[in-house]
Each structure stands twice: as structure tokens, then as C-alpha cells.
């Protein structure tokens, strides 16, 4: 969800990747539905594993409950967002709350990084 929201709000100015330390087999269909309400299409998205290469290539690394499983490299900006896990949500309302929390955090981060937003 966060990657889709970054792409949406940055108008494609930010190269973003999404990965997990223990990715599920599929994206929760409720998450796909909730994010589609904002115009983000995640229908063909699938969970990907976090790799050292992804972290090394990043300027900013945002984690969400990754804990000690995420690699740390000097010189990177790290943010750990304590948000609900949309993969574990069981209702559309619950996913919407998580989506809206992530959306606000994405907007604040883009503002802090002085990246123009299109929405």
C-alpha cells in the first residue's frame, strides 16, 4: 500500500520498491480494494522478499514492523512506522483505517523530503 501511495502522490518522481521480511503468498484482496478507492491499482501486485540489494539501493528505508529482520546500512535514512498490517486485516473498514494512516505518513515523508506531490 505504501509503495502505491508514494507512486500516486509523487506522480512517479520517486522510484519505490515494496518488500517484506516475511512476505505473504498474496496481497490481501481487501487491501487491493481499499487502495483502489484512491486510484491505486494493486491487482497485479504480489508480495516480494526484502533483499540486501533493495536496501542498499535505497535513500530512504521505511519499515513497518520489520524489527531485527531488516538489514541496516550506514548512510541510509530509516523510518519505522508502527501501523496495522493490512495483510492481517479482516474487514474493509479495518483496511481503510490502515490505508489512511499509511497515506498520512507517506504525505508527511514526501513533504519532509521536499518532493512535489500531485495529489
PDB file of N, CA and C in Angstrom:
ATOM      1  N   UNK A   1       0.815  -1.180   0.000  1.00  0.00           N
ATOM      2  CA  UNK A   1       0.000   0.000   0.000  1.00  0.00           C
ATOM      3  C   UNK A   1       0.865   1.253   0.000  1.00  0.00           C
ATOM      4  N   UNK A   2       1.888   1.275   0.832  1.00  0.00           N
ATOM      5  CA  UNK A   2       2.729   2.468   0.930  1.00  0.00           C
ATOM      6  C   UNK A   2       3.409   2.767  -0.399  1.00  0.00           C
ATOM      7  N   UNK A   3       3.911   1.743  -1.060  1.00  0.00           N
ATOM      8  CA  UNK A   3       4.581   1.959  -2.347  1.00  0.00           C
ATOM      9  C   UNK A   3       3.611   2.535  -3.370  1.00  0.00           C
ATOM     10  N   UNK A   4       2.407   2.016  -3.413  1.00  0.00           N
ATOM     11  CA  UNK A   4       1.399   2.536  -4.330  1.00  0.00           C
ATOM     12  C   UNK A   4       1.048   3.976  -4.024  1.00  0.00           C
ATOM     13  N   UNK A   5       0.974   4.319  -2.741  1.00  0.00           N
ATOM     14  CA  UNK A   5       0.660   5.688  -2.347  1.00  0.00           C
ATOM     15  C   UNK A   5       1.810   6.638  -2.653  1.00  0.00           C
ATOM     16  N   UNK A   6       3.051   6.186  -2.481  1.00  0.00           N
ATOM     17  CA  UNK A   6       4.201   7.017  -2.855  1.00  0.00           C
ATOM     18  C   UNK A   6       4.163   7.301  -4.350  1.00  0.00           C
ATOM     19  N   UNK A   7       3.940   6.276  -5.147  1.00  0.00           N
ATOM     20  CA  UNK A   7       3.872   6.461  -6.604  1.00  0.00           C
ATOM     21  C   UNK A   7       2.743   7.418  -6.975  1.00  0.00           C
ATOM     22  N   UNK A   8       1.595   7.264  -6.334  1.00  0.00           N
ATOM     23  CA  UNK A   8       0.451   8.131  -6.616  1.00  0.00           C
ATOM     24  C   UNK A   8       0.755   9.582  -6.274  1.00  0.00           C
ATOM     25  N   UNK A   9       1.210   9.831  -5.073  1.00  0.00           N
ATOM     26  CA  UNK A   9       1.393  11.205  -4.607  1.00  0.00           C
ATOM     27  C   UNK A   9       2.618  11.889  -5.199  1.00  0.00           C
ATOM     28  N   UNK A  10       3.627  11.121  -5.583  1.00  0.00           N
ATOM     29  CA  UNK A  10       4.830  11.734  -6.165  1.00  0.00           C
ATOM     30  C   UNK A  10       4.718  11.874  -7.673  1.00  0.00           C
ATOM     31  N   UNK A  11       3.642  11.369  -8.239  1.00  0.00           N
ATOM     32  CA  UNK A  11       3.483  11.449  -9.689  1.00  0.00           C
ATOM     33  C   UNK A  11       4.568  10.688 -10.430  1.00  0.00           C
ATOM     34  N   UNK A  12       5.126   9.672  -9.787  1.00  0.00           N
ATOM     35  CA  UNK A  12       6.166   8.865 -10.418  1.00  0.00           C
ATOM     36  C   UNK A  12       7.566   9.436 -10.264  1.00  0.00           C
ATOM     37  N   UNK A  13       7.733  10.535  -9.516  1.00  0.00           N
ATOM     38  CA  UNK A  13       9.061  11.127  -9.321  1.00  0.00           C
ATOM     39  C   UNK A  13       9.953  10.278  -8.420  1.00  0.00           C
ATOM     40  N   UNK A  14       9.340   9.435  -7.618  1.00  0.00           N
ATOM     41  CA  UNK A  14      10.089   8.612  -6.671  1.00  0.00           C
ATOM     42  C   UNK A  14      10.085   7.172  -7.156  1.00  0.00           C
ATOM     43  N   UNK A  15      11.276   6.582  -7.206  1.00  0.00           N
ATOM     44  CA  UNK A  15      11.379   5.155  -7.517  1.00  0.00           C
ATOM     45  C   UNK A  15      11.196   4.415  -6.198  1.00  0.00           C
ATOM     46  N   UNK A  16      10.145   3.642  -6.121  1.00  0.00           N
ATOM     47  CA  UNK A  16       9.807   2.994  -4.855  1.00  0.00           C
ATOM     48  C   UNK A  16       9.704   1.485  -5.044  1.00  0.00           C
ATOM     49  N   UNK A  17      10.141   0.773  -4.022  1.00  0.00           N
ATOM     50  CA  UNK A  17      10.013  -0.684  -4.017  1.00  0.00           C
ATOM     51  C   UNK A  17       9.356  -1.103  -2.718  1.00  0.00           C
ATOM     52  N   UNK A  18       8.615  -2.164  -2.795  1.00  0.00           N
ATOM     53  CA  UNK A  18       7.969  -2.718  -1.615  1.00  0.00           C
ATOM     54  C   UNK A  18       8.457  -4.144  -1.432  1.00  0.00           C
ATOM     55  N   UNK A  19       8.838  -4.457  -0.203  1.00  0.00           N
ATOM     56  CA  UNK A  19       9.322  -5.806   0.091  1.00  0.00           C
ATOM     57  C   UNK A  19       9.074  -6.097   1.560  1.00  0.00           C
ATOM     58  N   UNK A  20       9.039  -7.361   1.900  1.00  0.00           N
ATOM     59  CA  UNK A  20       8.796  -7.746   3.280  1.00  0.00           C
ATOM     60  C   UNK A  20       9.807  -8.749   3.784  1.00  0.00           C
ATOM     61  N   UNK A  21      10.028  -8.725   5.095  1.00  0.00           N
ATOM     62  CA  UNK A  21      10.969  -9.681   5.688  1.00  0.00           C
ATOM     63  C   UNK A  21      10.378 -11.088   5.717  1.00  0.00           C
ATOM     64  N   UNK A  22       9.065 -11.175   5.731  1.00  0.00           N
ATOM     65  CA  UNK A  22       8.371 -12.466   5.702  1.00  0.00           C
ATOM     66  C   UNK A  22       7.087 -12.288   4.888  1.00  0.00           C
ATOM     67  N   UNK A  23       7.229 -12.122   3.558  1.00  0.00           N
ATOM     68  CA  UNK A  23       6.056 -11.786   2.743  1.00  0.00           C
ATOM     69  C   UNK A  23       5.037 -12.922   2.666  1.00  0.00           C
ATOM     70  N   UNK A  24       3.775 -12.513   2.615  1.00  0.00           N
ATOM     71  CA  UNK A  24       2.684 -13.477   2.442  1.00  0.00           C
ATOM     72  C   UNK A  24       2.700 -14.006   1.014  1.00  0.00           C
ATOM     73  N   UNK A  25       1.876 -14.976   0.741  1.00  0.00           N
ATOM     74  CA  UNK A  25       1.793 -15.535  -0.610  1.00  0.00           C
ATOM     75  C   UNK A  25       1.065 -14.588  -1.561  1.00  0.00           C
ATOM     76  N   UNK A  26       0.082 -13.844  -1.036  1.00  0.00           N
ATOM     77  CA  UNK A  26      -0.717 -12.944  -1.865  1.00  0.00           C
ATOM     78  C   UNK A  26      -1.022 -11.666  -1.101  1.00  0.00           C
ATOM     79  N   UNK A  27      -1.355 -10.619  -1.849  1.00  0.00           N
ATOM     80  CA  UNK A  27      -1.821  -9.379  -1.235  1.00  0.00           C
ATOM     81  C   UNK A  27      -3.272  -9.588  -0.800  1.00  0.00           C
ATOM     82  N   UNK A  28      -3.597  -9.137   0.392  1.00  0.00           N
ATOM     83  CA  UNK A  28      -4.959  -9.250   0.909  1.00  0.00           C
ATOM     84  C   UNK A  28      -5.919  -8.558  -0.066  1.00  0.00           C
ATOM     85  N   UNK A  29      -6.917  -9.262  -0.591  1.00  0.00           N
ATOM     86  CA  UNK A  29      -7.870  -8.650  -1.531  1.00  0.00           C
ATOM     87  C   UNK A  29      -8.568  -7.417  -0.959  1.00  0.00           C
ATOM     88  N   UNK A  30      -8.750  -7.363   0.356  1.00  0.00           N
ATOM     89  CA  UNK A  30      -9.340  -6.174   0.972  1.00  0.00           C
ATOM     90  C   UNK A  30      -8.410  -4.971   0.839  1.00  0.00           C
ATOM     91  N   UNK A  31      -7.101  -5.208   0.907  1.00  0.00           N
ATOM     92  CA  UNK A  31      -6.135  -4.123   0.722  1.00  0.00           C
ATOM     93  C   UNK A  31      -6.169  -3.624  -0.717  1.00  0.00           C
ATOM     94  N   UNK A  32      -6.274  -4.541  -1.656  1.00  0.00           N
ATOM     95  CA  UNK A  32      -6.375  -4.164  -3.075  1.00  0.00           C
ATOM     96  C   UNK A  32      -7.618  -3.310  -3.285  1.00  0.00           C
ATOM     97  N   UNK A  33      -8.720  -3.715  -2.683  1.00  0.00           N
ATOM     98  CA  UNK A  33      -9.977  -2.974  -2.827  1.00  0.00           C
ATOM     99  C   UNK A  33      -9.886  -1.586  -2.180  1.00  0.00           C
ATOM    100  N   UNK A  34      -9.332  -1.515  -0.976  1.00  0.00           N
ATOM    101  CA  UNK A  34      -9.256  -0.237  -0.257  1.00  0.00           C
ATOM    102  C   UNK A  34      -8.346   0.756  -0.961  1.00  0.00           C
ATOM    103  N   UNK A  35      -7.237   0.297  -1.476  1.00  0.00           N
ATOM    104  CA  UNK A  35      -6.303   1.210  -2.146  1.00  0.00           C
ATOM    105  C   UNK A  35      -6.841   1.631  -3.508  1.00  0.00           C
ATOM    106  N   UNK A  36      -7.623   0.768  -4.140  1.00  0.00           N
ATOM    107  CA  UNK A  36      -8.237   1.115  -5.427  1.00  0.00           C
ATOM    108  C   UNK A  36      -9.197   2.289  -5.272  1.00  0.00           C
ATOM    109  N   UNK A  37      -9.773   2.441  -4.092  1.00  0.00           N
ATOM    110  CA  UNK A  37     -10.668   3.571  -3.835  1.00  0.00           C
ATOM    111  C   UNK A  37      -9.953   4.912  -3.976  1.00  0.00           C
ATOM    112  N   UNK A  38      -8.631   4.903  -3.859  1.00  0.00           N
ATOM    113  CA  UNK A  38      -7.835   6.126  -4.017  1.00  0.00           C
ATOM    114  C   UNK A  38      -7.206   6.220  -5.403  1.00  0.00           C
ATOM    115  N   UNK A  39      -7.511   5.263  -6.262  1.00  0.00           N
ATOM    116  CA  UNK A  39      -6.988   5.296  -7.622  1.00  0.00           C
ATOM    117  C   UNK A  39      -5.683   4.556  -7.824  1.00  0.00           C
ATOM    118  N   UNK A  40      -5.319   3.690  -6.886  1.00  0.00           N
ATOM    119  CA  UNK A  40      -4.085   2.909  -6.990  1.00  0.00           C
ATOM    120  C   UNK A  40      -4.456   1.472  -7.333  1.00  0.00           C
ATOM    121  N   UNK A  41      -3.895   0.960  -8.421  1.00  0.00           N
ATOM    122  CA  UNK A  41      -4.197  -0.399  -8.872  1.00  0.00           C
ATOM    123  C   UNK A  41      -3.110  -1.362  -8.394  1.00  0.00           C
ATOM    124  N   UNK A  42      -3.456  -2.194  -7.446  1.00  0.00           N
ATOM    125  CA  UNK A  42      -2.525  -3.214  -6.945  1.00  0.00           C
ATOM    126  C   UNK A  42      -2.970  -4.619  -7.323  1.00  0.00           C
ATOM    127  N   UNK A  43      -3.887  -4.713  -8.268  1.00  0.00           N
ATOM    128  CA  UNK A  43      -4.463  -6.014  -8.630  1.00  0.00           C
ATOM    129  C   UNK A  43      -3.406  -7.023  -9.071  1.00  0.00           C
ATOM    130  N   UNK A  44      -2.363  -6.574  -9.747  1.00  0.00           N
ATOM    131  CA  UNK A  44      -1.333  -7.493 -10.241  1.00  0.00           C
ATOM    132  C   UNK A  44      -0.095  -7.516  -9.349  1.00  0.00           C
ATOM    133  N   UNK A  45      -0.180  -6.903  -8.188  1.00  0.00           N
ATOM    134  CA  UNK A  45       0.954  -6.837  -7.272  1.00  0.00           C
ATOM    135  C   UNK A  45       1.034  -8.121  -6.449  1.00  0.00           C
ATOM    136  N   UNK A  46       2.247  -8.519  -6.140  1.00  0.00           N
ATOM    137  CA  UNK A  46       2.437  -9.686  -5.282  1.00  0.00           C
ATOM    138  C   UNK A  46       3.530  -9.372  -4.262  1.00  0.00           C
ATOM    139  N   UNK A  47       3.460  -9.959  -3.079  1.00  0.00           N
ATOM    140  CA  UNK A  47       4.475  -9.720  -2.053  1.00  0.00           C
ATOM    141  C   UNK A  47       5.845 -10.223  -2.501  1.00  0.00           C
ATOM    142  N   UNK A  48       6.868  -9.423  -2.200  1.00  0.00           N
ATOM    143  CA  UNK A  48       8.239  -9.758  -2.574  1.00  0.00           C
ATOM    144  C   UNK A  48       9.121  -9.775  -1.326  1.00  0.00           C
ATOM    145  N   UNK A  49      10.149 -10.611  -1.332  1.00  0.00           N
ATOM    146  CA  UNK A  49      11.040 -10.653  -0.170  1.00  0.00           C
ATOM    147  C   UNK A  49      11.995  -9.458  -0.148  1.00  0.00           C
ATOM    148  N   UNK A  50      12.324  -9.020   1.045  1.00  0.00           N
ATOM    149  CA  UNK A  50      13.296  -7.955   1.234  1.00  0.00           C
ATOM    150  C   UNK A  50      14.690  -8.524   0.996  1.00  0.00           C
ATOM    151  N   UNK A  51      15.488  -7.814   0.216  1.00  0.00           N
ATOM    152  CA  UNK A  51      16.859  -8.254  -0.059  1.00  0.00           C
ATOM    153  C   UNK A  51      17.836  -7.148   0.311  1.00  0.00           C
ATOM    154  N   UNK A  52      19.083  -7.522   0.520  1.00  0.00           N
ATOM    155  CA  UNK A  52      20.125  -6.532   0.792  1.00  0.00           C
ATOM    156  C   UNK A  52      20.235  -5.533  -0.352  1.00  0.00           C
ATOM    157  N   UNK A  53      20.069  -6.018  -1.588  1.00  0.00           N
ATOM    158  CA  UNK A  53      20.196  -5.139  -2.752  1.00  0.00           C
ATOM    159  C   UNK A  53      19.156  -4.025  -2.732  1.00  0.00           C
ATOM    160  N   UNK A  54      17.935  -4.354  -2.329  1.00  0.00           N
ATOM    161  CA  UNK A  54      16.873  -3.344  -2.259  1.00  0.00           C
ATOM    162  C   UNK A  54      17.245  -2.270  -1.245  1.00  0.00           C
ATOM    163  N   UNK A  55      17.726  -2.686  -0.083  1.00  0.00           N
ATOM    164  CA  UNK A  55      18.089  -1.722   0.958  1.00  0.00           C
ATOM    165  C   UNK A  55      19.298  -0.904   0.529  1.00  0.00           C
ATOM    166  N   UNK A  56      20.288  -1.528  -0.055  1.00  0.00           N
ATOM    167  CA  UNK A  56      21.485  -0.796  -0.497  1.00  0.00           C
ATOM    168  C   UNK A  56      21.155   0.263  -1.542  1.00  0.00           C
ATOM    169  N   UNK A  57      20.188  -0.014  -2.393  1.00  0.00           N
ATOM    170  CA  UNK A  57      19.832   0.915  -3.464  1.00  0.00           C
ATOM    171  C   UNK A  57      18.967   2.076  -2.976  1.00  0.00           C
ATOM    172  N   UNK A  58      18.453   1.988  -1.774  1.00  0.00           N
ATOM    173  CA  UNK A  58      17.504   2.988  -1.277  1.00  0.00           C
ATOM    174  C   UNK A  58      18.203   4.173  -0.625  1.00  0.00           C
ATOM    175  N   UNK A  59      17.567   5.338  -0.744  1.00  0.00           N
ATOM    176  CA  UNK A  59      17.990   6.517   0.014  1.00  0.00           C
ATOM    177  C   UNK A  59      17.249   6.570   1.344  1.00  0.00           C
ATOM    178  N   UNK A  60      15.984   6.159   1.306  1.00  0.00           N
ATOM    179  CA  UNK A  60      15.137   6.131   2.497  1.00  0.00           C
ATOM    180  C   UNK A  60      14.536   4.733   2.601  1.00  0.00           C
ATOM    181  N   UNK A  61      14.616   4.149   3.783  1.00  0.00           N
ATOM    182  CA  UNK A  61      14.045   2.829   4.026  1.00  0.00           C
ATOM    183  C   UNK A  61      12.966   2.986   5.095  1.00  0.00           C
ATOM    184  N   UNK A  62      11.748   2.653   4.727  1.00  0.00           N
ATOM    185  CA  UNK A  62      10.638   2.701   5.672  1.00  0.00           C
ATOM    186  C   UNK A  62      10.272   1.268   6.024  1.00  0.00           C
ATOM    187  N   UNK A  63      10.274   0.979   7.305  1.00  0.00           N
ATOM    188  CA  UNK A  63       9.886  -0.350   7.759  1.00  0.00           C
ATOM    189  C   UNK A  63       8.577  -0.251   8.533  1.00  0.00           C
ATOM    190  N   UNK A  64       7.860  -1.355   8.531  1.00  0.00           N
ATOM    191  CA  UNK A  64       6.587  -1.433   9.249  1.00  0.00           C
ATOM    192  C   UNK A  64       6.555  -2.761   9.983  1.00  0.00           C
ATOM    193  N   UNK A  65       7.095  -2.761  11.182  1.00  0.00           N
ATOM    194  CA  UNK A  65       7.080  -3.979  11.976  1.00  0.00           C
ATOM    195  C   UNK A  65       8.146  -4.982  11.588  1.00  0.00           C
ATOM    196  N   UNK A  66       9.181  -4.523  10.941  1.00  0.00           N
ATOM    197  CA  UNK A  66      10.233  -5.417  10.459  1.00  0.00           C
ATOM    198  C   UNK A  66      11.137  -5.889  11.598  1.00  0.00           C
ATOM    199  N   UNK A  67      11.340  -5.038  12.587  1.00  0.00           N
ATOM    200  CA  UNK A  67      12.186  -5.402  13.718  1.00  0.00           C
ATOM    201  C   UNK A  67      13.618  -5.683  13.309  1.00  0.00           C
ATOM    202  N   UNK A  68      14.200  -6.690  13.910  1.00  0.00           N
ATOM    203  CA  UNK A  68      15.597  -7.030  13.656  1.00  0.00           C
ATOM    204  C   UNK A  68      15.809  -7.747  12.334  1.00  0.00           C
ATOM    205  N   UNK A  69      14.744  -8.105  11.630  1.00  0.00           N
ATOM    206  CA  UNK A  69      14.877  -8.850  10.377  1.00  0.00           C
ATOM    207  C   UNK A  69      15.337  -7.971   9.222  1.00  0.00           C
ATOM    208  N   UNK A  70      15.261  -6.657   9.375  1.00  0.00           N
ATOM    209  CA  UNK A  70      15.632  -5.750   8.281  1.00  0.00           C
ATOM    210  C   UNK A  70      17.110  -5.401   8.358  1.00  0.00           C
ATOM    211  N   UNK A  71      17.804  -5.480   7.232  1.00  0.00           N
ATOM    212  CA  UNK A  71      19.219  -5.112   7.228  1.00  0.00           C
ATOM    213  C   UNK A  71      19.391  -3.607   7.424  1.00  0.00           C
ATOM    214  N   UNK A  72      20.459  -3.224   8.106  1.00  0.00           N
ATOM    215  CA  UNK A  72      20.769  -1.817   8.367  1.00  0.00           C
ATOM    216  C   UNK A  72      22.112  -1.503   7.716  1.00  0.00           C
ATOM    217  N   UNK A  73      22.144  -0.420   6.939  1.00  0.00           N
ATOM    218  CA  UNK A  73      23.376   0.028   6.303  1.00  0.00           C
ATOM    219  C   UNK A  73      23.616   1.484   6.657  1.00  0.00           C
ATOM    220  N   UNK A  74      24.858   1.850   6.933  1.00  0.00           N
ATOM    221  CA  UNK A  74      25.167   3.242   7.258  1.00  0.00           C
ATOM    222  C   UNK A  74      24.821   4.168   6.084  1.00  0.00           C
ATOM    223  N   UNK A  75      24.457   5.386   6.421  1.00  0.00           N
ATOM    224  CA  UNK A  75      24.199   6.388   5.397  1.00  0.00           C
ATOM    225  C   UNK A  75      22.792   6.387   4.843  1.00  0.00           C
ATOM    226  N   UNK A  76      21.953   5.515   5.325  1.00  0.00           N
ATOM    227  CA  UNK A  76      20.558   5.455   4.869  1.00  0.00           C
ATOM    228  C   UNK A  76      19.668   6.137   5.905  1.00  0.00           C
ATOM    229  N   UNK A  77      18.603   6.721   5.437  1.00  0.00           N
ATOM    230  CA  UNK A  77      17.591   7.240   6.356  1.00  0.00           C
ATOM    231  C   UNK A  77      16.590   6.118   6.606  1.00  0.00           C
ATOM    232  N   UNK A  78      16.388   5.798   7.874  1.00  0.00           N
ATOM    233  CA  UNK A  78      15.453   4.743   8.255  1.00  0.00           C
ATOM    234  C   UNK A  78      14.281   5.340   9.025  1.00  0.00           C
ATOM    235  N   UNK A  79      13.102   4.863   8.721  1.00  0.00           N
ATOM    236  CA  UNK A  79      11.900   5.214   9.464  1.00  0.00           C
ATOM    237  C   UNK A  79      11.161   3.918   9.757  1.00  0.00           C
ATOM    238  N   UNK A  80      10.739   3.760  10.990  1.00  0.00           N
ATOM    239  CA  UNK A  80       9.939   2.595  11.357  1.00  0.00           C
ATOM    240  C   UNK A  80       8.549   3.085  11.714  1.00  0.00           C
ATOM    241  N   UNK A  81       7.589   2.733  10.884  1.00  0.00           N
ATOM    242  CA  UNK A  81       6.210   3.162  11.085  1.00  0.00           C
ATOM    243  C   UNK A  81       5.446   2.057  11.795  1.00  0.00           C
ATOM    244  N   UNK A  82       4.899   2.381  12.942  1.00  0.00           N
ATOM    245  CA  UNK A  82       4.060   1.433  13.674  1.00  0.00           C
ATOM    246  C   UNK A  82       2.632   1.588  13.171  1.00  0.00           C
ATOM    247  N   UNK A  83       2.284   0.756  12.219  1.00  0.00           N
ATOM    248  CA  UNK A  83       0.944   0.779  11.624  1.00  0.00           C
ATOM    249  C   UNK A  83       0.385  -0.639  11.637  1.00  0.00           C
ATOM    250  N   UNK A  84      -0.923  -0.733  11.488  1.00  0.00           N
ATOM    251  CA  UNK A  84      -1.542  -2.047  11.385  1.00  0.00           C
ATOM    252  C   UNK A  84      -1.078  -2.752  10.119  1.00  0.00           C
ATOM    253  N   UNK A  85      -1.184  -4.050  10.117  1.00  0.00           N
ATOM    254  CA  UNK A  85      -0.773  -4.848   8.963  1.00  0.00           C
ATOM    255  C   UNK A  85      -1.993  -5.145   8.095  1.00  0.00           C
ATOM    256  N   UNK A  86      -2.053  -4.559   6.887  1.00  0.00           N
ATOM    257  CA  UNK A  86      -3.207  -4.815   6.026  1.00  0.00           C
ATOM    258  C   UNK A  86      -3.338  -6.283   5.631  1.00  0.00           C
ATOM    259  N   UNK A  87      -2.250  -7.028   5.687  1.00  0.00           N
ATOM    260  CA  UNK A  87      -2.309  -8.451   5.345  1.00  0.00           C
ATOM    261  C   UNK A  87      -3.123  -9.232   6.372  1.00  0.00           C
ATOM    262  N   UNK A  88      -3.197  -8.703   7.591  1.00  0.00           N
ATOM    263  CA  UNK A  88      -3.906  -9.403   8.659  1.00  0.00           C
ATOM    264  C   UNK A  88      -5.303  -8.848   8.915  1.00  0.00           C
ATOM    265  N   UNK A  89      -5.663  -7.780   8.226  1.00  0.00           N
ATOM    266  CA  UNK A  89      -6.974  -7.163   8.434  1.00  0.00           C
ATOM    267  C   UNK A  89      -8.080  -8.077   7.919  1.00  0.00           C
ATOM    268  N   UNK A  90      -9.221  -8.051   8.605  1.00  0.00           N
ATOM    269  CA  UNK A  90     -10.322  -8.947   8.239  1.00  0.00           C
ATOM    270  C   UNK A  90     -11.570  -8.217   7.760  1.00  0.00           C
ATOM    271  N   UNK A  91     -11.532  -6.878   7.767  1.00  0.00           N
ATOM    272  CA  UNK A  91     -12.682  -6.126   7.261  1.00  0.00           C
ATOM    273  C   UNK A  91     -12.194  -4.953   6.423  1.00  0.00           C
ATOM    274  N   UNK A  92     -13.031  -4.519   5.505  1.00  0.00           N
ATOM    275  CA  UNK A  92     -12.685  -3.387   4.650  1.00  0.00           C
ATOM    276  C   UNK A  92     -12.502  -2.120   5.479  1.00  0.00           C
ATOM    277  N   UNK A  93     -13.319  -1.919   6.494  1.00  0.00           N
ATOM    278  CA  UNK A  93     -13.165  -0.737   7.349  1.00  0.00           C
ATOM    279  C   UNK A  93     -11.817  -0.732   8.059  1.00  0.00           C
ATOM    280  N   UNK A  94     -11.386  -1.892   8.523  1.00  0.00           N
ATOM    281  CA  UNK A  94     -10.083  -2.002   9.183  1.00  0.00           C
ATOM    282  C   UNK A  94      -8.964  -1.663   8.204  1.00  0.00           C
ATOM    283  N   UNK A  95      -9.050  -2.166   6.984  1.00  0.00           N
ATOM    284  CA  UNK A  95      -8.027  -1.883   5.975  1.00  0.00           C
ATOM    285  C   UNK A  95      -8.039  -0.398   5.616  1.00  0.00           C
ATOM    286  N   UNK A  96      -9.213   0.202   5.530  1.00  0.00           N
ATOM    287  CA  UNK A  96      -9.298   1.639   5.221  1.00  0.00           C
ATOM    288  C   UNK A  96      -8.593   2.472   6.295  1.00  0.00           C
ATOM    289  N   UNK A  97      -8.752   2.097   7.554  1.00  0.00           N
ATOM    290  CA  UNK A  97      -8.073   2.824   8.632  1.00  0.00           C
ATOM    291  C   UNK A  97      -6.561   2.709   8.489  1.00  0.00           C
ATOM    292  N   UNK A  98      -6.086   1.518   8.180  1.00  0.00           N
ATOM    293  CA  UNK A  98      -4.652   1.305   7.977  1.00  0.00           C
ATOM    294  C   UNK A  98      -4.188   2.100   6.763  1.00  0.00           C
ATOM    295  N   UNK A  99      -4.941   2.025   5.669  1.00  0.00           N
ATOM    296  CA  UNK A  99      -4.612   2.767   4.446  1.00  0.00           C
ATOM    297  C   UNK A  99      -4.490   4.258   4.735  1.00  0.00           C
ATOM    298  N   UNK A 100      -5.452   4.808   5.458  1.00  0.00           N
ATOM    299  CA  UNK A 100      -5.453   6.241   5.738  1.00  0.00           C
ATOM    300  C   UNK A 100      -4.282   6.643   6.629  1.00  0.00           C
ATOM    301  N   UNK A 101      -3.916   5.785   7.578  1.00  0.00           N
ATOM    302  CA  UNK A 101      -2.753   6.035   8.423  1.00  0.00           C
ATOM    303  C   UNK A 101      -1.489   6.059   7.566  1.00  0.00           C
ATOM    304  N   UNK A 102      -1.323   5.057   6.724  1.00  0.00           N
ATOM    305  CA  UNK A 102      -0.152   4.992   5.844  1.00  0.00           C
ATOM    306  C   UNK A 102      -0.141   6.182   4.895  1.00  0.00           C
ATOM    307  N   UNK A 103      -1.296   6.548   4.360  1.00  0.00           N
ATOM    308  CA  UNK A 103      -1.389   7.672   3.434  1.00  0.00           C
ATOM    309  C   UNK A 103      -0.892   8.963   4.082  1.00  0.00           C
ATOM    310  N   UNK A 104      -1.308   9.222   5.304  1.00  0.00           N
ATOM    311  CA  UNK A 104      -0.848  10.417   6.005  1.00  0.00           C
ATOM    312  C   UNK A 104       0.655  10.405   6.219  1.00  0.00           C
ATOM    313  N   UNK A 105       1.197   9.260   6.560  1.00  0.00           N
ATOM    314  CA  UNK A 105       2.641   9.142   6.780  1.00  0.00           C
ATOM    315  C   UNK A 105       3.414   9.338   5.475  1.00  0.00           C
ATOM    316  N   UNK A 106       2.894   8.775   4.386  1.00  0.00           N
ATOM    317  CA  UNK A 106       3.535   8.943   3.074  1.00  0.00           C
ATOM    318  C   UNK A 106       3.557  10.419   2.698  1.00  0.00           C
ATOM    319  N   UNK A 107       2.445  11.100   2.860  1.00  0.00           N
ATOM    320  CA  UNK A 107       2.372  12.526   2.521  1.00  0.00           C
ATOM    321  C   UNK A 107       3.360  13.347   3.351  1.00  0.00           C
ATOM    322  N   UNK A 108       3.453  13.055   4.652  1.00  0.00           N
ATOM    323  CA  UNK A 108       4.404  13.777   5.506  1.00  0.00           C
ATOM    324  C   UNK A 108       5.844  13.512   5.081  1.00  0.00           C
ATOM    325  N   UNK A 109       6.154  12.256   4.767  1.00  0.00           N
ATOM    326  CA  UNK A 109       7.516  11.927   4.354  1.00  0.00           C
ATOM    327  C   UNK A 109       7.877  12.636   3.053  1.00  0.00           C
ATOM    328  N   UNK A 110       6.984  12.612   2.085  1.00  0.00           N
ATOM    329  CA  UNK A 110       7.259  13.304   0.823  1.00  0.00           C
ATOM    330  C   UNK A 110       7.464  14.793   1.060  1.00  0.00           C
ATOM    331  N   UNK A 111       6.693  15.377   1.948  1.00  0.00           N
ATOM    332  CA  UNK A 111       6.852  16.792   2.282  1.00  0.00           C
ATOM    333  C   UNK A 111       8.214  17.048   2.930  1.00  0.00           C
ATOM    334  N   UNK A 112       8.604  16.201   3.878  1.00  0.00           N
ATOM    335  CA  UNK A 112       9.907  16.334   4.537  1.00  0.00           C
ATOM    336  C   UNK A 112      11.047  16.232   3.537  1.00  0.00           C
ATOM    337  N   UNK A 113      10.876  15.380   2.534  1.00  0.00           N
ATOM    338  CA  UNK A 113      11.910  15.184   1.509  1.00  0.00           C
ATOM    339  C   UNK A 113      11.829  16.238   0.407  1.00  0.00           C
ATOM    340  N   UNK A 114      10.859  17.153   0.544  1.00  0.00           N
ATOM    341  CA  UNK A 114      10.645  18.239  -0.419  1.00  0.00           C
ATOM    342  C   UNK A 114      10.388  17.710  -1.825  1.00  0.00           C
ATOM    343  N   UNK A 115       9.600  16.657  -1.884  1.00  0.00           N
ATOM    344  CA  UNK A 115       9.200  16.076  -3.166  1.00  0.00           C
ATOM    345  C   UNK A 115       7.820  16.614  -3.499  1.00  0.00           C
ATOM    346  N   UNK A 116       7.686  17.252  -4.665  1.00  0.00           N
ATOM    347  CA  UNK A 116       6.372  17.782  -5.036  1.00  0.00           C
ATOM    348  C   UNK A 116       5.355  16.657  -5.166  1.00  0.00           C
ATOM    349  N   UNK A 117       4.157  16.928  -4.697  1.00  0.00           N
ATOM    350  CA  UNK A 117       3.109  15.921  -4.783  1.00  0.00           C
ATOM    351  C   UNK A 117       2.041  16.359  -5.765  1.00  0.00           C
ATOM    352  N   UNK A 118       1.449  15.374  -6.403  1.00  0.00           N
ATOM    353  CA  UNK A 118       0.439  15.653  -7.427  1.00  0.00           C
ATOM    354  C   UNK A 118      -0.972  15.462  -6.901  1.00  0.00           C
ATOM    355  N   UNK A 119      -1.107  14.985  -5.675  1.00  0.00           N
ATOM    356  CA  UNK A 119      -2.454  14.800  -5.124  1.00  0.00           C
ATOM    357  C   UNK A 119      -2.469  15.085  -3.644  1.00  0.00           C
TER     358      UNK A 119
END
